Amino acid sequence: MKIGILGTGMVGETIASALLDKNHDVMIGSRTATNEKVAELVKKNSKHASQGTFNDAAAYGDIVFICLNGEHALDVIRSLDEFNTANKIFVDITNPLDFTHGMPPRLINGLSNNNSLGEEIQRLLPNAYVIKALNTVNHKLMVDARQVNNGDHNLFVCGNNADIKNKMMHFFVDNFHWRPERLIDLGGIEMARCTEAYVPFWVAIWQATGSPMFNLKVVQ
């Protein structure tokens, strides 16, 4: 499958590497098509990896992972050509975090309570399918759920199209080792308000415990 990655930080590199290990064809997009950091990863995986601009990666992928800093994500999404985004699946892993007041971070004004970054991205991509997922766990856990409690913990997913959510939940099971019975469909993309709002609490737990390798498990 062709996968586009928007972003070259830890999350983007981790997602790209995991999918390359599964023999997917991956294009990593950044502001320039000659990003040196990306070039090293492409060199190691020349058969299945390539690089380009954000627009190039959006055009390339059947599925596009948004692995951007939440502060700049909307600017990047606005820069994409509509033709390159129509009918594509965009997996939004971003969080609208404001670190200017220290740790744990706050949420960016205007992207919390009655709005979210996930919703704004869907508004900017009206002809695409935006799925919010993977934004509540450490980047290493995103791609291998087995690293905590042998995978016995929950992944939360939301988006407006039930069929697309189901497709992506199967994708996470097949590629990232999430247990199907531990995937929770929260509903429409507006539920991104909830998962994004959890992340400052997640950071506080990390600070208190000294490790980012944890997750929530819903028990009843």
N, C-alpha and C. Protein backbone atom coordinates (compact mmCIF):
# COMPACT_ATOMS: atom_id res chain seq x y z
N MET A 1 0.84 -1.20 0.00
CA MET A 1 0.00 0.00 0.00
C MET A 1 0.88 1.25 0.00
N LYS A 2 0.44 2.30 -0.68
CA LYS A 2 1.17 3.55 -0.70
C LYS A 2 0.77 4.42 0.49
N ILE A 3 1.78 4.85 1.25
CA ILE A 3 1.57 5.63 2.46
C ILE A 3 2.31 6.96 2.34
N GLY A 4 1.62 8.05 2.66
CA GLY A 4 2.25 9.35 2.76
C GLY A 4 2.44 9.72 4.22
N ILE A 5 3.56 10.34 4.53
CA ILE A 5 3.84 10.80 5.89
C ILE A 5 4.10 12.29 5.83
N LEU A 6 3.33 13.07 6.59
CA LEU A 6 3.56 14.51 6.68
C LEU A 6 4.27 14.78 7.99
N GLY A 7 5.55 15.10 7.92
CA GLY A 7 6.32 15.38 9.12
C GLY A 7 7.52 14.48 9.26
N THR A 8 8.60 15.06 9.78
CA THR A 8 9.88 14.34 9.85
C THR A 8 10.43 14.25 11.27
N GLY A 9 9.59 14.53 12.27
CA GLY A 9 10.03 14.41 13.65
C GLY A 9 10.01 12.96 14.12
N MET A 10 10.04 12.77 15.44
CA MET A 10 10.08 11.42 16.00
C MET A 10 8.88 10.60 15.57
N VAL A 11 7.70 11.21 15.60
CA VAL A 11 6.49 10.46 15.25
C VAL A 11 6.51 10.06 13.77
N GLY A 12 6.81 11.02 12.90
CA GLY A 12 6.85 10.72 11.47
C GLY A 12 7.87 9.66 11.13
N GLU A 13 9.06 9.77 11.73
CA GLU A 13 10.11 8.79 11.46
C GLU A 13 9.73 7.41 11.98
N THR A 14 9.10 7.37 13.15
CA THR A 14 8.70 6.08 13.74
C THR A 14 7.62 5.41 12.90
N ILE A 15 6.61 6.18 12.50
CA ILE A 15 5.54 5.62 11.67
C ILE A 15 6.11 5.13 10.34
N ALA A 16 6.95 5.95 9.72
CA ALA A 16 7.54 5.58 8.43
C ALA A 16 8.36 4.30 8.55
N SER A 17 9.21 4.23 9.56
CA SER A 17 10.07 3.05 9.73
C SER A 17 9.26 1.79 9.96
N ALA A 18 8.21 1.89 10.77
CA ALA A 18 7.37 0.72 11.05
C ALA A 18 6.68 0.23 9.80
N LEU A 19 6.19 1.14 8.98
CA LEU A 19 5.47 0.74 7.77
C LEU A 19 6.43 0.24 6.69
N LEU A 20 7.62 0.78 6.65
CA LEU A 20 8.64 0.25 5.74
C LEU A 20 9.01 -1.18 6.12
N ASP A 21 9.05 -1.45 7.43
CA ASP A 21 9.33 -2.81 7.89
C ASP A 21 8.25 -3.79 7.46
N LYS A 22 7.05 -3.26 7.21
CA LYS A 22 5.93 -4.10 6.74
C LYS A 22 5.85 -4.11 5.21
N ASN A 23 6.86 -3.55 4.57
CA ASN A 23 6.97 -3.54 3.10
C ASN A 23 5.93 -2.67 2.41
N HIS A 24 5.42 -1.66 3.12
CA HIS A 24 4.60 -0.65 2.45
C HIS A 24 5.53 0.30 1.70
N ASP A 25 4.99 0.95 0.68
CA ASP A 25 5.72 1.99 -0.04
C ASP A 25 5.41 3.33 0.62
N VAL A 26 6.44 4.00 1.09
CA VAL A 26 6.26 5.18 1.94
C VAL A 26 6.97 6.39 1.33
N MET A 27 6.23 7.51 1.22
CA MET A 27 6.85 8.78 0.87
C MET A 27 6.74 9.71 2.07
N ILE A 28 7.86 10.26 2.48
CA ILE A 28 7.92 11.17 3.62
C ILE A 28 7.99 12.59 3.11
N GLY A 29 7.03 13.41 3.54
CA GLY A 29 6.95 14.78 3.07
C GLY A 29 7.42 15.78 4.10
N SER A 30 8.14 16.78 3.65
CA SER A 30 8.58 17.88 4.50
C SER A 30 8.46 19.18 3.71
N ARG A 31 8.93 20.27 4.28
CA ARG A 31 8.78 21.56 3.60
C ARG A 31 9.58 21.62 2.30
N THR A 32 10.68 20.88 2.26
CA THR A 32 11.48 20.81 1.04
C THR A 32 11.62 19.35 0.62
N ALA A 33 11.87 19.13 -0.64
CA ALA A 33 11.99 17.77 -1.15
C ALA A 33 13.39 17.19 -0.96
N THR A 34 14.27 17.96 -0.29
CA THR A 34 15.66 17.52 -0.13
C THR A 34 16.07 17.49 1.34
N ASN A 35 15.13 17.24 2.23
CA ASN A 35 15.41 17.18 3.66
C ASN A 35 16.50 16.13 3.93
N GLU A 36 17.59 16.55 4.55
CA GLU A 36 18.74 15.65 4.74
C GLU A 36 18.43 14.50 5.68
N LYS A 37 17.66 14.77 6.74
CA LYS A 37 17.30 13.72 7.69
C LYS A 37 16.49 12.63 6.99
N VAL A 38 15.54 13.04 6.16
CA VAL A 38 14.72 12.08 5.43
C VAL A 38 15.57 11.31 4.42
N ALA A 39 16.51 11.99 3.81
CA ALA A 39 17.36 11.35 2.80
C ALA A 39 18.10 10.15 3.38
N GLU A 40 18.50 10.24 4.65
CA GLU A 40 19.19 9.12 5.29
C GLU A 40 18.28 7.91 5.42
N LEU A 41 17.03 8.16 5.84
CA LEU A 41 16.07 7.07 5.98
C LEU A 41 15.75 6.45 4.62
N VAL A 42 15.60 7.29 3.61
CA VAL A 42 15.31 6.80 2.26
C VAL A 42 16.47 5.96 1.74
N LYS A 43 17.68 6.40 2.02
CA LYS A 43 18.87 5.67 1.57
C LYS A 43 18.90 4.26 2.14
N LYS A 44 18.48 4.11 3.40
CA LYS A 44 18.48 2.80 4.06
C LYS A 44 17.37 1.90 3.53
N ASN A 45 16.33 2.51 2.96
CA ASN A 45 15.16 1.75 2.51
C ASN A 45 14.83 2.12 1.07
N SER A 46 15.82 2.09 0.21
CA SER A 46 15.68 2.64 -1.14
C SER A 46 14.61 1.93 -1.97
N LYS A 47 14.30 0.69 -1.65
CA LYS A 47 13.33 -0.05 -2.44
C LYS A 47 11.91 0.46 -2.22
N HIS A 48 11.59 0.85 -0.98
CA HIS A 48 10.21 1.20 -0.65
C HIS A 48 10.03 2.64 -0.18
N ALA A 49 11.11 3.38 0.05
CA ALA A 49 11.00 4.72 0.62
C ALA A 49 11.35 5.79 -0.41
N SER A 50 10.69 6.93 -0.28
CA SER A 50 11.00 8.09 -1.11
C SER A 50 10.68 9.35 -0.31
N GLN A 51 11.10 10.48 -0.82
CA GLN A 51 10.83 11.73 -0.12
C GLN A 51 10.34 12.78 -1.10
N GLY A 52 9.69 13.80 -0.54
CA GLY A 52 9.17 14.89 -1.35
C GLY A 52 8.67 16.00 -0.45
N THR A 53 7.90 16.89 -1.03
CA THR A 53 7.28 17.95 -0.25
C THR A 53 6.02 17.42 0.43
N PHE A 54 5.42 18.24 1.27
CA PHE A 54 4.14 17.86 1.88
C PHE A 54 3.11 17.52 0.81
N ASN A 55 3.05 18.35 -0.23
CA ASN A 55 2.10 18.10 -1.32
C ASN A 55 2.40 16.80 -2.04
N ASP A 56 3.67 16.52 -2.24
CA ASP A 56 4.05 15.27 -2.90
C ASP A 56 3.57 14.06 -2.10
N ALA A 57 3.79 14.10 -0.79
CA ALA A 57 3.41 12.97 0.06
C ALA A 57 1.90 12.80 0.12
N ALA A 58 1.17 13.93 0.15
CA ALA A 58 -0.29 13.85 0.17
C ALA A 58 -0.82 13.26 -1.13
N ALA A 59 -0.20 13.63 -2.24
CA ALA A 59 -0.62 13.09 -3.54
C ALA A 59 -0.28 11.61 -3.66
N TYR A 60 0.81 11.20 -3.06
CA TYR A 60 1.31 9.83 -3.21
C TYR A 60 0.49 8.81 -2.43
N GLY A 61 0.14 9.14 -1.21
CA GLY A 61 -0.42 8.14 -0.31
C GLY A 61 -1.89 7.84 -0.52
N ASP A 62 -2.24 6.56 -0.47
CA ASP A 62 -3.65 6.18 -0.34
C ASP A 62 -4.11 6.49 1.08
N ILE A 63 -3.19 6.32 2.02
CA ILE A 63 -3.37 6.72 3.41
C ILE A 63 -2.26 7.71 3.73
N VAL A 64 -2.61 8.81 4.39
CA VAL A 64 -1.64 9.85 4.73
C VAL A 64 -1.66 10.07 6.24
N PHE A 65 -0.52 9.91 6.87
CA PHE A 65 -0.40 10.13 8.31
C PHE A 65 0.07 11.56 8.56
N ILE A 66 -0.69 12.29 9.37
CA ILE A 66 -0.34 13.66 9.73
C ILE A 66 0.45 13.61 11.03
N CYS A 67 1.76 13.78 10.92
CA CYS A 67 2.68 13.65 12.06
C CYS A 67 3.37 14.98 12.31
N LEU A 68 2.60 16.04 12.42
CA LEU A 68 3.13 17.39 12.48
C LEU A 68 3.03 17.97 13.89
N ASN A 69 3.87 18.95 14.16
CA ASN A 69 3.71 19.75 15.37
C ASN A 69 2.34 20.42 15.33
N GLY A 70 1.57 20.27 16.40
CA GLY A 70 0.21 20.79 16.40
C GLY A 70 0.14 22.29 16.16
N GLU A 71 1.17 23.01 16.55
CA GLU A 71 1.19 24.46 16.38
C GLU A 71 1.21 24.86 14.91
N HIS A 72 1.80 24.01 14.07
CA HIS A 72 1.97 24.35 12.65
C HIS A 72 1.13 23.48 11.71
N ALA A 73 0.37 22.55 12.26
CA ALA A 73 -0.33 21.57 11.43
C ALA A 73 -1.31 22.22 10.45
N LEU A 74 -2.08 23.19 10.92
CA LEU A 74 -3.10 23.78 10.05
C LEU A 74 -2.48 24.53 8.88
N ASP A 75 -1.35 25.18 9.11
CA ASP A 75 -0.67 25.88 8.01
C ASP A 75 -0.25 24.89 6.92
N VAL A 76 0.25 23.73 7.34
CA VAL A 76 0.66 22.72 6.36
C VAL A 76 -0.56 22.19 5.61
N ILE A 77 -1.62 21.88 6.34
CA ILE A 77 -2.83 21.35 5.69
C ILE A 77 -3.40 22.36 4.70
N ARG A 78 -3.39 23.64 5.07
CA ARG A 78 -3.88 24.68 4.15
C ARG A 78 -3.06 24.74 2.88
N SER A 79 -1.81 24.36 2.95
CA SER A 79 -0.92 24.46 1.79
C SER A 79 -1.11 23.33 0.79
N LEU A 80 -1.86 22.30 1.16
CA LEU A 80 -2.04 21.15 0.28
C LEU A 80 -3.02 21.47 -0.84
N ASP A 81 -2.72 20.99 -2.03
CA ASP A 81 -3.64 21.14 -3.15
C ASP A 81 -4.85 20.25 -2.94
N GLU A 82 -6.04 20.80 -3.14
CA GLU A 82 -7.27 20.03 -2.92
C GLU A 82 -7.30 18.77 -3.77
N PHE A 83 -6.77 18.86 -4.97
CA PHE A 83 -6.76 17.71 -5.87
C PHE A 83 -5.99 16.53 -5.27
N ASN A 84 -4.98 16.85 -4.46
CA ASN A 84 -4.13 15.80 -3.87
C ASN A 84 -4.74 15.17 -2.63
N THR A 85 -5.84 15.73 -2.13
CA THR A 85 -6.40 15.25 -0.87
C THR A 85 -7.77 14.59 -1.02
N ALA A 86 -8.42 14.77 -2.14
CA ALA A 86 -9.78 14.26 -2.32
C ALA A 86 -9.82 12.74 -2.21
N ASN A 87 -10.77 12.27 -1.41
CA ASN A 87 -11.03 10.83 -1.23
C ASN A 87 -9.87 10.07 -0.58
N LYS A 88 -8.93 10.79 0.00
CA LYS A 88 -7.82 10.16 0.72
C LYS A 88 -8.19 9.97 2.19
N ILE A 89 -7.53 9.02 2.83
CA ILE A 89 -7.66 8.84 4.27
C ILE A 89 -6.49 9.56 4.94
N PHE A 90 -6.80 10.47 5.85
CA PHE A 90 -5.78 11.17 6.62
C PHE A 90 -5.88 10.75 8.08
N VAL A 91 -4.83 10.15 8.60
CA VAL A 91 -4.78 9.75 10.00
C VAL A 91 -4.09 10.87 10.77
N ASP A 92 -4.88 11.56 11.59
CA ASP A 92 -4.39 12.73 12.31
C ASP A 92 -3.86 12.31 13.68
N ILE A 93 -2.54 12.46 13.87
CA ILE A 93 -1.90 12.09 15.13
C ILE A 93 -1.51 13.34 15.92
N THR A 94 -1.87 14.52 15.43
CA THR A 94 -1.42 15.77 16.03
C THR A 94 -2.18 16.09 17.32
N ASN A 95 -1.57 16.95 18.12
CA ASN A 95 -2.22 17.47 19.33
C ASN A 95 -1.96 18.97 19.43
N PRO A 96 -2.99 19.76 19.78
CA PRO A 96 -2.85 21.22 19.82
C PRO A 96 -2.25 21.70 21.14
N LEU A 97 -0.97 21.46 21.32
CA LEU A 97 -0.32 21.73 22.61
C LEU A 97 0.44 23.05 22.59
N ASP A 98 0.30 23.78 23.69
CA ASP A 98 0.97 25.06 23.88
C ASP A 98 1.98 24.89 25.02
N PHE A 99 3.26 24.93 24.70
CA PHE A 99 4.31 24.72 25.69
C PHE A 99 4.90 26.02 26.23
N THR A 100 4.31 27.16 25.87
CA THR A 100 4.91 28.45 26.25
C THR A 100 4.81 28.73 27.74
N HIS A 101 3.95 28.02 28.45
CA HIS A 101 3.80 28.22 29.89
C HIS A 101 4.44 27.10 30.70
N GLY A 102 5.26 26.30 30.04
CA GLY A 102 5.94 25.22 30.75
C GLY A 102 5.20 23.91 30.65
N MET A 103 5.59 22.98 31.52
CA MET A 103 5.03 21.63 31.52
C MET A 103 4.16 21.41 32.75
N PRO A 104 3.09 20.62 32.61
CA PRO A 104 2.57 20.06 31.37
C PRO A 104 2.00 21.16 30.48
N PRO A 105 1.87 20.90 29.19
CA PRO A 105 1.41 21.93 28.27
C PRO A 105 -0.07 22.24 28.45
N ARG A 106 -0.48 23.37 27.93
CA ARG A 106 -1.89 23.72 27.81
C ARG A 106 -2.35 23.40 26.39
N LEU A 107 -3.67 23.51 26.17
CA LEU A 107 -4.20 23.37 24.82
C LEU A 107 -4.22 24.74 24.15
N ILE A 108 -3.99 24.77 22.86
CA ILE A 108 -4.00 26.02 22.11
C ILE A 108 -5.40 26.62 22.12
N ASN A 109 -5.47 27.91 22.41
CA ASN A 109 -6.75 28.60 22.41
C ASN A 109 -7.44 28.46 21.06
N GLY A 110 -8.74 28.20 21.11
CA GLY A 110 -9.53 28.03 19.90
C GLY A 110 -9.56 26.61 19.38
N LEU A 111 -8.73 25.74 19.97
CA LEU A 111 -8.69 24.34 19.54
C LEU A 111 -8.96 23.42 20.73
N SER A 112 -9.87 23.85 21.59
CA SER A 112 -10.24 23.04 22.75
C SER A 112 -11.67 23.36 23.14
N ASN A 113 -12.21 22.56 24.04
CA ASN A 113 -13.59 22.69 24.54
C ASN A 113 -14.62 22.48 23.44
N ASN A 114 -14.95 23.52 22.67
CA ASN A 114 -15.96 23.36 21.61
C ASN A 114 -15.34 23.24 20.22
N ASN A 115 -14.08 22.88 20.17
CA ASN A 115 -13.39 22.67 18.89
C ASN A 115 -12.19 21.77 19.13
N SER A 116 -11.55 21.34 18.06
CA SER A 116 -10.35 20.50 18.17
C SER A 116 -9.53 20.64 16.91
N LEU A 117 -8.29 20.22 17.01
CA LEU A 117 -7.42 20.24 15.83
C LEU A 117 -7.93 19.25 14.78
N GLY A 118 -8.41 18.10 15.24
CA GLY A 118 -8.95 17.11 14.31
C GLY A 118 -10.11 17.66 13.50
N GLU A 119 -11.01 18.39 14.17
CA GLU A 119 -12.15 18.98 13.46
C GLU A 119 -11.70 20.04 12.46
N GLU A 120 -10.74 20.86 12.85
CA GLU A 120 -10.25 21.89 11.94
C GLU A 120 -9.61 21.27 10.70
N ILE A 121 -8.87 20.18 10.90
CA ILE A 121 -8.26 19.50 9.75
C ILE A 121 -9.33 18.94 8.84
N GLN A 122 -10.39 18.36 9.41
CA GLN A 122 -11.48 17.84 8.57
C GLN A 122 -12.16 18.97 7.80
N ARG A 123 -12.32 20.13 8.42
CA ARG A 123 -12.93 21.27 7.72
C ARG A 123 -12.06 21.71 6.55
N LEU A 124 -10.75 21.66 6.74
CA LEU A 124 -9.84 22.07 5.67
C LEU A 124 -9.72 21.03 4.57
N LEU A 125 -10.13 19.79 4.89
CA LEU A 125 -10.09 18.70 3.91
C LEU A 125 -11.50 18.12 3.74
N PRO A 126 -12.43 18.91 3.22
CA PRO A 126 -13.83 18.48 3.18
C PRO A 126 -14.09 17.25 2.33
N ASN A 127 -13.22 16.97 1.38
CA ASN A 127 -13.42 15.82 0.49
C ASN A 127 -12.53 14.64 0.86
N ALA A 128 -11.92 14.71 2.04
CA ALA A 128 -11.08 13.62 2.54
C ALA A 128 -11.71 13.03 3.79
N TYR A 129 -11.18 11.89 4.20
CA TYR A 129 -11.65 11.21 5.41
C TYR A 129 -10.58 11.36 6.49
N VAL A 130 -10.91 12.11 7.53
CA VAL A 130 -9.95 12.33 8.62
C VAL A 130 -10.28 11.41 9.79
N ILE A 131 -9.30 10.65 10.21
CA ILE A 131 -9.42 9.75 11.35
C ILE A 131 -8.46 10.22 12.42
N LYS A 132 -8.97 10.47 13.61
CA LYS A 132 -8.11 10.82 14.74
C LYS A 132 -7.76 9.55 15.49
N ALA A 133 -6.47 9.28 15.64
CA ALA A 133 -6.04 8.07 16.33
C ALA A 133 -4.56 8.17 16.66
N LEU A 134 -4.11 7.36 17.59
CA LEU A 134 -2.70 7.20 17.96
C LEU A 134 -2.13 8.40 18.70
N ASN A 135 -2.93 9.44 18.92
CA ASN A 135 -2.41 10.68 19.52
C ASN A 135 -2.36 10.64 21.04
N THR A 136 -2.76 9.53 21.65
CA THR A 136 -2.80 9.45 23.11
C THR A 136 -1.72 8.54 23.68
N VAL A 137 -0.77 8.12 22.85
CA VAL A 137 0.30 7.24 23.31
C VAL A 137 1.65 7.69 22.78
N ASN A 138 2.71 7.22 23.42
CA ASN A 138 4.07 7.48 22.99
C ASN A 138 4.31 6.94 21.58
N HIS A 139 5.22 7.57 20.86
CA HIS A 139 5.44 7.20 19.45
C HIS A 139 5.88 5.75 19.29
N LYS A 140 6.63 5.22 20.25
CA LYS A 140 7.05 3.82 20.16
C LYS A 140 5.87 2.87 20.32
N LEU A 141 4.95 3.25 21.19
CA LEU A 141 3.77 2.42 21.44
C LEU A 141 2.78 2.50 20.29
N MET A 142 2.75 3.62 19.59
CA MET A 142 1.86 3.76 18.44
C MET A 142 2.01 2.58 17.48
N VAL A 143 3.27 2.21 17.22
CA VAL A 143 3.55 1.23 16.17
C VAL A 143 3.77 -0.18 16.69
N ASP A 144 3.75 -0.36 18.00
CA ASP A 144 3.87 -1.70 18.58
C ASP A 144 3.21 -1.72 19.95
N ALA A 145 1.90 -1.99 19.94
CA ALA A 145 1.12 -1.97 21.18
C ALA A 145 1.59 -3.01 22.18
N ARG A 146 2.32 -4.02 21.72
CA ARG A 146 2.77 -5.10 22.60
C ARG A 146 3.78 -4.63 23.64
N GLN A 147 4.33 -3.45 23.47
CA GLN A 147 5.38 -2.98 24.37
C GLN A 147 4.86 -2.63 25.76
N VAL A 148 3.56 -2.50 25.92
CA VAL A 148 2.96 -2.27 27.24
C VAL A 148 1.91 -3.34 27.51
N ASN A 149 2.06 -4.06 28.61
CA ASN A 149 1.05 -5.04 29.05
C ASN A 149 0.66 -6.01 27.95
N ASN A 150 1.63 -6.35 27.11
CA ASN A 150 1.40 -7.30 26.01
C ASN A 150 0.23 -6.88 25.11
N GLY A 151 0.04 -5.56 24.98
CA GLY A 151 -1.00 -5.04 24.10
C GLY A 151 -2.37 -4.95 24.72
N ASP A 152 -2.49 -5.26 26.00
CA ASP A 152 -3.80 -5.25 26.66
C ASP A 152 -4.10 -3.87 27.22
N HIS A 153 -4.40 -2.95 26.33
CA HIS A 153 -4.75 -1.57 26.67
C HIS A 153 -5.45 -0.98 25.46
N ASN A 154 -5.97 0.24 25.57
CA ASN A 154 -6.92 0.73 24.58
C ASN A 154 -6.36 1.78 23.63
N LEU A 155 -6.84 1.70 22.40
CA LEU A 155 -6.61 2.73 21.39
C LEU A 155 -7.95 3.35 21.04
N PHE A 156 -7.99 4.68 21.03
CA PHE A 156 -9.23 5.40 20.76
C PHE A 156 -9.20 5.98 19.35
N VAL A 157 -10.31 5.81 18.65
CA VAL A 157 -10.41 6.22 17.25
C VAL A 157 -11.68 7.03 17.06
N CYS A 158 -11.61 8.10 16.29
CA CYS A 158 -12.84 8.82 15.94
C CYS A 158 -12.73 9.36 14.52
N GLY A 159 -13.88 9.58 13.91
CA GLY A 159 -13.96 10.06 12.54
C GLY A 159 -15.40 9.95 12.06
N ASN A 160 -15.71 10.60 10.97
CA ASN A 160 -17.11 10.71 10.54
C ASN A 160 -17.61 9.56 9.68
N ASN A 161 -16.72 8.74 9.16
CA ASN A 161 -17.14 7.67 8.25
C ASN A 161 -16.86 6.32 8.90
N ALA A 162 -17.92 5.56 9.17
CA ALA A 162 -17.78 4.29 9.88
C ALA A 162 -16.95 3.28 9.10
N ASP A 163 -17.14 3.22 7.80
CA ASP A 163 -16.39 2.25 6.99
C ASP A 163 -14.89 2.55 6.99
N ILE A 164 -14.55 3.82 6.91
CA ILE A 164 -13.14 4.22 6.92
C ILE A 164 -12.53 3.94 8.29
N LYS A 165 -13.27 4.22 9.35
CA LYS A 165 -12.76 3.90 10.69
C LYS A 165 -12.50 2.40 10.83
N ASN A 166 -13.43 1.60 10.35
CA ASN A 166 -13.26 0.15 10.42
C ASN A 166 -12.03 -0.30 9.63
N LYS A 167 -11.84 0.29 8.46
CA LYS A 167 -10.66 -0.04 7.64
C LYS A 167 -9.37 0.29 8.38
N MET A 168 -9.34 1.47 9.02
CA MET A 168 -8.12 1.88 9.70
C MET A 168 -7.90 1.10 10.98
N MET A 169 -8.95 0.70 11.65
CA MET A 169 -8.77 -0.13 12.84
C MET A 169 -8.16 -1.47 12.47
N HIS A 170 -8.59 -2.04 11.35
CA HIS A 170 -7.95 -3.26 10.86
C HIS A 170 -6.48 -3.00 10.50
N PHE A 171 -6.21 -1.84 9.94
CA PHE A 171 -4.84 -1.47 9.60
C PHE A 171 -3.96 -1.42 10.85
N PHE A 172 -4.48 -0.83 11.93
CA PHE A 172 -3.71 -0.74 13.17
C PHE A 172 -3.47 -2.13 13.77
N VAL A 173 -4.44 -2.99 13.66
CA VAL A 173 -4.28 -4.37 14.16
C VAL A 173 -3.22 -5.10 13.35
N ASP A 174 -3.30 -4.99 12.04
CA ASP A 174 -2.41 -5.75 11.15
C ASP A 174 -0.98 -5.23 11.15
N ASN A 175 -0.82 -3.92 11.32
CA ASN A 175 0.51 -3.31 11.17
C ASN A 175 1.17 -2.88 12.47
N PHE A 176 0.35 -2.55 13.48
CA PHE A 176 0.90 -2.00 14.72
C PHE A 176 0.59 -2.86 15.95
N HIS A 177 0.05 -4.05 15.73
CA HIS A 177 -0.14 -5.05 16.80
C HIS A 177 -1.15 -4.62 17.88
N TRP A 178 -2.11 -3.78 17.52
CA TRP A 178 -3.18 -3.47 18.46
C TRP A 178 -4.18 -4.61 18.49
N ARG A 179 -4.68 -4.92 19.68
CA ARG A 179 -5.68 -5.97 19.81
C ARG A 179 -7.04 -5.46 19.34
N PRO A 180 -7.72 -6.16 18.47
CA PRO A 180 -9.00 -5.66 17.95
C PRO A 180 -10.03 -5.39 19.04
N GLU A 181 -10.02 -6.21 20.10
CA GLU A 181 -11.00 -6.02 21.17
C GLU A 181 -10.66 -4.81 22.05
N ARG A 182 -9.46 -4.23 21.84
CA ARG A 182 -9.06 -3.07 22.64
C ARG A 182 -9.15 -1.76 21.86
N LEU A 183 -9.74 -1.80 20.67
CA LEU A 183 -9.97 -0.59 19.90
C LEU A 183 -11.35 -0.04 20.24
N ILE A 184 -11.42 1.23 20.56
CA ILE A 184 -12.69 1.86 20.92
C ILE A 184 -13.02 2.97 19.93
N ASP A 185 -14.15 2.82 19.24
CA ASP A 185 -14.66 3.84 18.31
C ASP A 185 -15.47 4.83 19.13
N LEU A 186 -14.96 6.04 19.27
CA LEU A 186 -15.62 7.06 20.09
C LEU A 186 -16.73 7.79 19.36
N GLY A 187 -16.78 7.69 18.03
CA GLY A 187 -17.81 8.41 17.28
C GLY A 187 -17.20 9.34 16.25
N GLY A 188 -17.88 10.46 16.02
CA GLY A 188 -17.47 11.41 14.98
C GLY A 188 -16.19 12.15 15.32
N ILE A 189 -15.71 12.93 14.36
CA ILE A 189 -14.44 13.62 14.52
C ILE A 189 -14.49 14.62 15.66
N GLU A 190 -15.68 15.07 16.06
CA GLU A 190 -15.77 15.99 17.19
C GLU A 190 -15.25 15.38 18.49
N MET A 191 -15.17 14.06 18.54
CA MET A 191 -14.64 13.40 19.73
C MET A 191 -13.13 13.56 19.86
N ALA A 192 -12.51 14.14 18.84
CA ALA A 192 -11.10 14.51 18.97
C ALA A 192 -10.90 15.52 20.09
N ARG A 193 -11.96 16.26 20.42
CA ARG A 193 -11.87 17.19 21.55
C ARG A 193 -11.47 16.45 22.83
N CYS A 194 -11.97 15.24 22.98
CA CYS A 194 -11.71 14.46 24.19
C CYS A 194 -10.31 13.88 24.19
N THR A 195 -9.91 13.26 23.08
CA THR A 195 -8.59 12.62 23.07
C THR A 195 -7.46 13.65 23.11
N GLU A 196 -7.65 14.78 22.44
CA GLU A 196 -6.64 15.83 22.49
C GLU A 196 -6.53 16.44 23.88
N ALA A 197 -7.68 16.61 24.55
CA ALA A 197 -7.69 17.20 25.89
C ALA A 197 -7.01 16.30 26.92
N TYR A 198 -6.95 15.01 26.64
CA TYR A 198 -6.30 14.06 27.56
C TYR A 198 -4.78 14.23 27.58
N VAL A 199 -4.20 14.75 26.52
CA VAL A 199 -2.74 14.70 26.36
C VAL A 199 -1.98 15.50 27.43
N PRO A 200 -2.43 16.70 27.86
CA PRO A 200 -1.73 17.33 28.98
C PRO A 200 -1.70 16.46 30.24
N PHE A 201 -2.78 15.73 30.50
CA PHE A 201 -2.80 14.79 31.62
C PHE A 201 -1.80 13.66 31.38
N TRP A 202 -1.73 13.19 30.13
CA TRP A 202 -0.75 12.17 29.77
C TRP A 202 0.67 12.64 30.09
N VAL A 203 0.97 13.89 29.76
CA VAL A 203 2.29 14.45 30.04
C VAL A 203 2.54 14.51 31.55
N ALA A 204 1.51 14.88 32.32
CA ALA A 204 1.65 14.93 33.77
C ALA A 204 1.95 13.55 34.35
N ILE A 205 1.31 12.51 33.81
CA ILE A 205 1.59 11.14 34.27
C ILE A 205 3.02 10.77 33.93
N TRP A 206 3.47 11.12 32.75
CA TRP A 206 4.85 10.86 32.34
C TRP A 206 5.82 11.52 33.33
N GLN A 207 5.55 12.79 33.67
CA GLN A 207 6.41 13.49 34.61
C GLN A 207 6.42 12.81 35.98
N ALA A 208 5.26 12.34 36.41
CA ALA A 208 5.14 11.74 37.74
C ALA A 208 5.79 10.36 37.82
N THR A 209 5.72 9.60 36.72
CA THR A 209 6.21 8.22 36.73
C THR A 209 7.61 8.07 36.15
N GLY A 210 8.03 9.04 35.36
CA GLY A 210 9.35 8.99 34.77
C GLY A 210 9.44 8.18 33.49
N SER A 211 8.31 7.70 32.98
CA SER A 211 8.32 6.91 31.75
C SER A 211 7.12 7.24 30.88
N PRO A 212 7.33 7.36 29.56
CA PRO A 212 6.20 7.59 28.66
C PRO A 212 5.55 6.30 28.17
N MET A 213 6.07 5.17 28.60
CA MET A 213 5.58 3.88 28.10
C MET A 213 4.44 3.37 28.99
N PHE A 214 3.27 3.96 28.80
CA PHE A 214 2.06 3.57 29.52
C PHE A 214 0.86 3.91 28.66
N ASN A 215 -0.29 3.40 29.05
CA ASN A 215 -1.52 3.74 28.33
C ASN A 215 -2.72 3.45 29.23
N LEU A 216 -3.88 3.87 28.78
CA LEU A 216 -5.13 3.62 29.48
C LEU A 216 -5.69 2.25 29.11
N LYS A 217 -6.30 1.61 30.09
CA LYS A 217 -7.07 0.40 29.85
C LYS A 217 -8.44 0.59 30.50
N VAL A 218 -9.47 0.50 29.70
CA VAL A 218 -10.84 0.67 30.20
C VAL A 218 -11.31 -0.67 30.76
N VAL A 219 -11.68 -0.69 32.03
CA VAL A 219 -12.20 -1.90 32.66
C VAL A 219 -13.61 -1.62 33.16
N GLN A 220 -14.47 -2.63 33.09
CA GLN A 220 -15.86 -2.46 33.49
C GLN A 220 -16.29 -3.61 34.40
